[in-house]
Amino acid sequence: MSIKLRCSDYGYECNLTLDEELTVGLIEKLRDHFEEEHGLDYTIEAVTQMITNRGHSLESIKK
């Protein structure tokens, strides 16, 4: 199942949209974007929590 993660959904004025299956790799891409483009060094766990806070379950994340 595909998911759209928009940087703007997490409070940033940014046009980044990632549209693919929810995997650890996708979470890492979003984390890397936060660091490279916004200077924010979030852990994978913190980004995962941000995603689950928007209504996605931990069980939906494919390994």
C-alpha atoms as a PDB file:
ATOM      1  CA  MET A   1       0.000   0.000   0.000  1.00  0.00           C
ATOM      2  CA  SER A   2       1.348   3.394  -0.989  1.00  0.00           C
ATOM      3  CA  ILE A   3       1.472   6.352   1.379  1.00  0.00           C
ATOM      4  CA  LYS A   4       2.076  10.042   0.709  1.00  0.00           C
ATOM      5  CA  LEU A   5       4.344  11.790   3.174  1.00  0.00           C
ATOM      6  CA  ARG A   6       4.398  15.543   2.617  1.00  0.00           C
ATOM      7  CA  CYS A   7       6.975  17.650   4.408  1.00  0.00           C
ATOM      8  CA  SER A   8       4.338  20.372   4.728  1.00  0.00           C
ATOM      9  CA  ASP A   9       2.197  17.954   6.804  1.00  0.00           C
ATOM     10  CA  TYR A  10       4.919  18.068   9.451  1.00  0.00           C
ATOM     11  CA  GLY A  11       4.964  21.851   9.745  1.00  0.00           C
ATOM     12  CA  TYR A  12       7.553  22.892   7.175  1.00  0.00           C
ATOM     13  CA  GLU A  13       7.083  25.234   4.222  1.00  0.00           C
ATOM     14  CA  CYS A  14       8.366  22.709   1.743  1.00  0.00           C
ATOM     15  CA  ASN A  15       7.053  20.997  -1.379  1.00  0.00           C
ATOM     16  CA  LEU A  16       8.651  17.571  -0.803  1.00  0.00           C
ATOM     17  CA  THR A  17       6.227  14.672  -1.277  1.00  0.00           C
ATOM     18  CA  LEU A  18       7.286  11.043  -0.937  1.00  0.00           C
ATOM     19  CA  ASP A  19       4.748   8.627  -2.437  1.00  0.00           C
ATOM     20  CA  GLU A  20       5.619   4.966  -1.997  1.00  0.00           C
ATOM     21  CA  GLU A  21       5.134   1.954   0.247  1.00  0.00           C
ATOM     22  CA  LEU A  22       5.565   2.705   3.958  1.00  0.00           C
ATOM     23  CA  THR A  23       8.872   1.076   4.823  1.00  0.00           C
ATOM     24  CA  VAL A  24      11.816   1.796   7.068  1.00  0.00           C
ATOM     25  CA  GLY A  25      13.592   3.026   3.921  1.00  0.00           C
ATOM     26  CA  LEU A  26      10.879   5.628   3.316  1.00  0.00           C
ATOM     27  CA  ILE A  27      11.150   6.811   6.914  1.00  0.00           C
ATOM     28  CA  GLU A  28      14.918   7.124   6.450  1.00  0.00           C
ATOM     29  CA  LYS A  29      14.367   9.221   3.296  1.00  0.00           C
ATOM     30  CA  LEU A  30      12.113  11.613   5.210  1.00  0.00           C
ATOM     31  CA  ARG A  31      14.589  11.773   8.109  1.00  0.00           C
ATOM     32  CA  ASP A  32      17.445  12.508   5.704  1.00  0.00           C
ATOM     33  CA  HIS A  33      15.373  15.252   4.061  1.00  0.00           C
ATOM     34  CA  PHE A  34      14.651  16.883   7.427  1.00  0.00           C
ATOM     35  CA  GLU A  35      18.371  16.916   8.170  1.00  0.00           C
ATOM     36  CA  GLU A  36      19.686  17.994   4.754  1.00  0.00           C
ATOM     37  CA  GLU A  37      17.040  20.589   3.884  1.00  0.00           C
ATOM     38  CA  HIS A  38      15.873  21.844   7.273  1.00  0.00           C
ATOM     39  CA  GLY A  39      18.914  21.216   9.499  1.00  0.00           C
ATOM     40  CA  LEU A  40      16.925  19.010  11.887  1.00  0.00           C
ATOM     41  CA  ASP A  41      18.602  15.862  13.175  1.00  0.00           C
ATOM     42  CA  TYR A  42      15.698  13.580  14.082  1.00  0.00           C
ATOM     43  CA  THR A  43      16.184   9.931  14.983  1.00  0.00           C
ATOM     44  CA  ILE A  44      14.392   7.248  12.967  1.00  0.00           C
ATOM     45  CA  GLU A  45      12.266   6.623  16.059  1.00  0.00           C
ATOM     46  CA  ALA A  46      11.231  10.292  16.227  1.00  0.00           C
ATOM     47  CA  VAL A  47      10.212  10.346  12.554  1.00  0.00           C
ATOM     48  CA  THR A  48       8.337   7.064  13.016  1.00  0.00           C
ATOM     49  CA  GLN A  49       6.461   8.645  15.929  1.00  0.00           C
ATOM     50  CA  MET A  50       5.619  11.669  13.762  1.00  0.00           C
ATOM     51  CA  ILE A  51       4.127   9.329  11.148  1.00  0.00           C
ATOM     52  CA  THR A  52       2.135   7.316  13.698  1.00  0.00           C
ATOM     53  CA  ASN A  53       0.848  10.573  15.212  1.00  0.00           C
ATOM     54  CA  ARG A  54      -0.731  11.272  11.807  1.00  0.00           C
ATOM     55  CA  GLY A  55      -2.775   8.061  12.016  1.00  0.00           C
ATOM     56  CA  HIS A  56      -0.560   5.335  10.571  1.00  0.00           C
ATOM     57  CA  SER A  57       0.052   2.262  12.703  1.00  0.00           C
ATOM     58  CA  LEU A  58       3.430   0.766  13.498  1.00  0.00           C
ATOM     59  CA  GLU A  59       2.134  -2.510  12.071  1.00  0.00           C
ATOM     60  CA  SER A  60       1.678  -0.861   8.658  1.00  0.00           C
ATOM     61  CA  ILE A  61       5.417  -0.177   8.358  1.00  0.00           C
ATOM     62  CA  LYS A  62       7.042  -2.880   6.275  1.00  0.00           C
ATOM     63  CA  LYS A  63      10.538  -3.972   7.255  1.00  0.00           C
END
